Amino acid sequence: MSCAAPKAPAGEEKKTSWPEVVGKSIEEAKEIILKDMPEADIVVLPAGSPVTLDFRTNRVRIFVDTVASIPHIG
């Protein structure tokens, strides 16, 4: 069994990363990624999370590290 990414149709190169979503909201990032890769299984994780090392051609991980609002007791 090969771990190589599937070939894109002639004249089309399949994207493997989305640097343009850095700094956008999670929802915006998902929308952009899904536009390019509708079959993507998007997983959102805290930055630094441990992840499995298996390679899946349809999985895209989004790592987030910002606090969106003031934490408080309540």
N, C-alpha and C. Protein backbone atom coordinates (compact mmCIF):
# COMPACT_ATOMS: atom_id res chain seq x y z
N MET A 1 0.85 -1.18 0.00
CA MET A 1 0.00 0.00 0.00
C MET A 1 0.89 1.24 0.00
N SER A 2 0.56 2.18 -0.84
CA SER A 2 1.35 3.40 -0.99
C SER A 2 0.78 4.53 -0.14
N CYS A 3 1.66 5.38 0.39
CA CYS A 3 1.23 6.54 1.18
C CYS A 3 1.24 7.81 0.33
N ALA A 4 1.50 7.67 -0.96
CA ALA A 4 1.57 8.84 -1.83
C ALA A 4 0.20 9.48 -1.98
N ALA A 5 0.19 10.80 -2.09
CA ALA A 5 -1.06 11.53 -2.29
C ALA A 5 -1.61 11.20 -3.68
N PRO A 6 -2.93 11.15 -3.82
CA PRO A 6 -3.50 10.86 -5.13
C PRO A 6 -3.14 11.95 -6.14
N LYS A 7 -3.01 11.53 -7.38
CA LYS A 7 -2.66 12.47 -8.45
C LYS A 7 -3.84 13.37 -8.78
N ALA A 8 -3.56 14.64 -8.98
CA ALA A 8 -4.58 15.60 -9.40
C ALA A 8 -4.76 15.47 -10.91
N PRO A 9 -5.94 15.84 -11.42
CA PRO A 9 -6.14 15.80 -12.87
C PRO A 9 -5.09 16.65 -13.59
N ALA A 10 -4.80 16.28 -14.84
CA ALA A 10 -3.80 16.99 -15.63
C ALA A 10 -4.07 18.49 -15.62
N GLY A 11 -3.03 19.27 -15.39
CA GLY A 11 -3.16 20.72 -15.39
C GLY A 11 -3.58 21.29 -14.05
N GLU A 12 -3.93 20.44 -13.10
CA GLU A 12 -4.36 20.87 -11.77
C GLU A 12 -3.42 20.31 -10.73
N GLU A 13 -2.92 21.16 -9.84
CA GLU A 13 -2.09 20.68 -8.77
C GLU A 13 -2.90 20.70 -7.48
N LYS A 14 -2.93 19.57 -6.78
CA LYS A 14 -3.70 19.47 -5.55
C LYS A 14 -2.97 20.20 -4.42
N LYS A 15 -3.68 21.07 -3.70
CA LYS A 15 -3.07 21.81 -2.59
C LYS A 15 -2.80 20.87 -1.43
N THR A 16 -1.71 21.13 -0.72
CA THR A 16 -1.37 20.34 0.45
C THR A 16 -1.21 21.21 1.70
N SER A 17 -1.32 22.53 1.56
CA SER A 17 -1.26 23.43 2.71
C SER A 17 -1.96 24.73 2.34
N TRP A 18 -2.37 25.46 3.38
CA TRP A 18 -3.13 26.69 3.19
C TRP A 18 -2.56 27.81 4.05
N PRO A 19 -1.41 28.38 3.68
CA PRO A 19 -0.82 29.46 4.48
C PRO A 19 -1.70 30.70 4.52
N GLU A 20 -2.59 30.85 3.55
CA GLU A 20 -3.45 32.03 3.50
C GLU A 20 -4.49 32.07 4.62
N VAL A 21 -4.69 30.98 5.37
CA VAL A 21 -5.70 31.01 6.43
C VAL A 21 -5.12 31.39 7.80
N VAL A 22 -3.80 31.54 7.89
CA VAL A 22 -3.20 31.95 9.16
C VAL A 22 -3.75 33.32 9.55
N GLY A 23 -4.26 33.43 10.78
CA GLY A 23 -4.82 34.69 11.27
C GLY A 23 -6.32 34.81 11.06
N LYS A 24 -6.92 33.88 10.32
CA LYS A 24 -8.37 33.92 10.10
C LYS A 24 -9.08 33.11 11.19
N SER A 25 -10.39 33.28 11.28
CA SER A 25 -11.17 32.50 12.25
C SER A 25 -11.20 31.04 11.80
N ILE A 26 -11.54 30.15 12.71
CA ILE A 26 -11.63 28.73 12.38
C ILE A 26 -12.65 28.52 11.27
N GLU A 27 -13.80 29.17 11.37
CA GLU A 27 -14.84 28.99 10.35
C GLU A 27 -14.38 29.48 8.98
N GLU A 28 -13.68 30.63 8.95
CA GLU A 28 -13.15 31.13 7.67
C GLU A 28 -12.13 30.15 7.09
N ALA A 29 -11.26 29.64 7.95
CA ALA A 29 -10.25 28.69 7.50
C ALA A 29 -10.89 27.43 6.93
N LYS A 30 -11.88 26.91 7.64
CA LYS A 30 -12.58 25.70 7.16
C LYS A 30 -13.21 25.95 5.80
N GLU A 31 -13.85 27.09 5.64
CA GLU A 31 -14.53 27.43 4.39
C GLU A 31 -13.53 27.46 3.22
N ILE A 32 -12.39 28.08 3.44
CA ILE A 32 -11.37 28.19 2.40
C ILE A 32 -10.81 26.80 2.05
N ILE A 33 -10.51 26.02 3.07
CA ILE A 33 -9.96 24.68 2.84
C ILE A 33 -10.97 23.80 2.10
N LEU A 34 -12.23 23.84 2.55
CA LEU A 34 -13.26 23.00 1.92
C LEU A 34 -13.55 23.42 0.48
N LYS A 35 -13.33 24.70 0.16
CA LYS A 35 -13.51 25.15 -1.22
C LYS A 35 -12.48 24.48 -2.13
N ASP A 36 -11.25 24.35 -1.63
CA ASP A 36 -10.18 23.71 -2.39
C ASP A 36 -10.23 22.19 -2.33
N MET A 37 -10.75 21.66 -1.20
CA MET A 37 -10.72 20.21 -0.96
C MET A 37 -12.01 19.79 -0.25
N PRO A 38 -13.10 19.65 -1.00
CA PRO A 38 -14.40 19.35 -0.40
C PRO A 38 -14.44 18.07 0.44
N GLU A 39 -13.55 17.13 0.16
CA GLU A 39 -13.54 15.86 0.90
C GLU A 39 -12.70 15.92 2.17
N ALA A 40 -12.19 17.11 2.52
CA ALA A 40 -11.31 17.24 3.68
C ALA A 40 -12.04 16.89 4.98
N ASP A 41 -11.33 16.14 5.81
CA ASP A 41 -11.78 15.84 7.18
C ASP A 41 -10.97 16.80 8.05
N ILE A 42 -11.57 17.93 8.42
CA ILE A 42 -10.86 18.98 9.15
C ILE A 42 -10.96 18.73 10.65
N VAL A 43 -9.80 18.74 11.30
CA VAL A 43 -9.71 18.52 12.74
C VAL A 43 -9.09 19.78 13.35
N VAL A 44 -9.78 20.38 14.33
CA VAL A 44 -9.28 21.58 15.00
C VAL A 44 -8.73 21.16 16.36
N LEU A 45 -7.48 21.55 16.62
CA LEU A 45 -6.78 21.15 17.85
C LEU A 45 -6.06 22.34 18.47
N PRO A 46 -5.89 22.32 19.80
CA PRO A 46 -5.07 23.35 20.43
C PRO A 46 -3.62 23.21 19.96
N ALA A 47 -2.93 24.32 19.77
CA ALA A 47 -1.53 24.29 19.36
C ALA A 47 -0.75 23.44 20.35
N GLY A 48 0.14 22.62 19.85
CA GLY A 48 0.98 21.78 20.70
C GLY A 48 0.35 20.45 21.07
N SER A 49 -0.86 20.20 20.60
CA SER A 49 -1.53 18.93 20.91
C SER A 49 -0.75 17.76 20.31
N PRO A 50 -0.69 16.65 21.05
CA PRO A 50 -0.08 15.46 20.44
C PRO A 50 -1.00 14.93 19.35
N VAL A 51 -0.41 14.44 18.28
CA VAL A 51 -1.19 13.89 17.17
C VAL A 51 -0.58 12.57 16.74
N THR A 52 -1.39 11.75 16.09
CA THR A 52 -0.89 10.50 15.56
C THR A 52 -0.01 10.80 14.35
N LEU A 53 0.87 9.89 14.03
CA LEU A 53 1.80 10.10 12.92
C LEU A 53 1.33 9.45 11.63
N ASP A 54 0.15 8.83 11.66
CA ASP A 54 -0.36 8.22 10.43
C ASP A 54 -0.70 9.31 9.42
N PHE A 55 -0.49 9.01 8.14
CA PHE A 55 -0.73 9.98 7.08
C PHE A 55 -2.04 9.66 6.40
N ARG A 56 -2.97 10.60 6.42
CA ARG A 56 -4.26 10.44 5.74
C ARG A 56 -4.40 11.57 4.74
N THR A 57 -4.65 11.23 3.49
CA THR A 57 -4.69 12.24 2.42
C THR A 57 -5.90 13.15 2.49
N ASN A 58 -6.91 12.80 3.30
CA ASN A 58 -8.09 13.67 3.40
C ASN A 58 -8.15 14.44 4.72
N ARG A 59 -7.19 14.25 5.62
CA ARG A 59 -7.22 14.93 6.91
C ARG A 59 -6.41 16.22 6.84
N VAL A 60 -7.02 17.30 7.35
CA VAL A 60 -6.34 18.59 7.46
C VAL A 60 -6.48 19.02 8.91
N ARG A 61 -5.37 19.26 9.57
CA ARG A 61 -5.40 19.70 10.97
C ARG A 61 -5.21 21.20 11.03
N ILE A 62 -6.06 21.86 11.82
CA ILE A 62 -5.94 23.29 12.08
C ILE A 62 -5.56 23.42 13.55
N PHE A 63 -4.41 24.03 13.81
CA PHE A 63 -3.95 24.23 15.18
C PHE A 63 -4.22 25.67 15.59
N VAL A 64 -4.86 25.85 16.74
CA VAL A 64 -5.20 27.20 17.23
C VAL A 64 -4.54 27.45 18.57
N ASP A 65 -4.20 28.72 18.81
CA ASP A 65 -3.49 29.04 20.05
C ASP A 65 -3.87 30.38 20.66
N THR A 66 -4.98 30.96 20.28
CA THR A 66 -5.34 32.26 20.84
C THR A 66 -6.55 32.17 21.75
N VAL A 67 -6.61 33.04 22.71
CA VAL A 67 -7.76 33.14 23.60
C VAL A 67 -8.71 34.18 23.00
N ALA A 68 -9.97 33.80 22.78
CA ALA A 68 -10.91 34.67 22.09
C ALA A 68 -11.57 35.69 23.00
N SER A 69 -11.70 35.38 24.28
CA SER A 69 -12.31 36.33 25.21
C SER A 69 -11.70 36.16 26.60
N ILE A 70 -12.02 37.06 27.49
CA ILE A 70 -11.44 37.07 28.83
C ILE A 70 -11.98 35.88 29.63
N PRO A 71 -11.08 35.01 30.12
CA PRO A 71 -11.54 33.92 30.98
C PRO A 71 -12.01 34.48 32.32
N HIS A 72 -13.08 33.92 32.85
CA HIS A 72 -13.58 34.39 34.15
C HIS A 72 -14.30 33.26 34.87
N ILE A 73 -14.42 33.43 36.16
CA ILE A 73 -15.13 32.45 37.00
C ILE A 73 -16.61 32.66 36.77
N GLY A 74 -17.33 31.56 36.73
CA GLY A 74 -18.78 31.73 36.59
C GLY A 74 -19.52 30.51 36.23
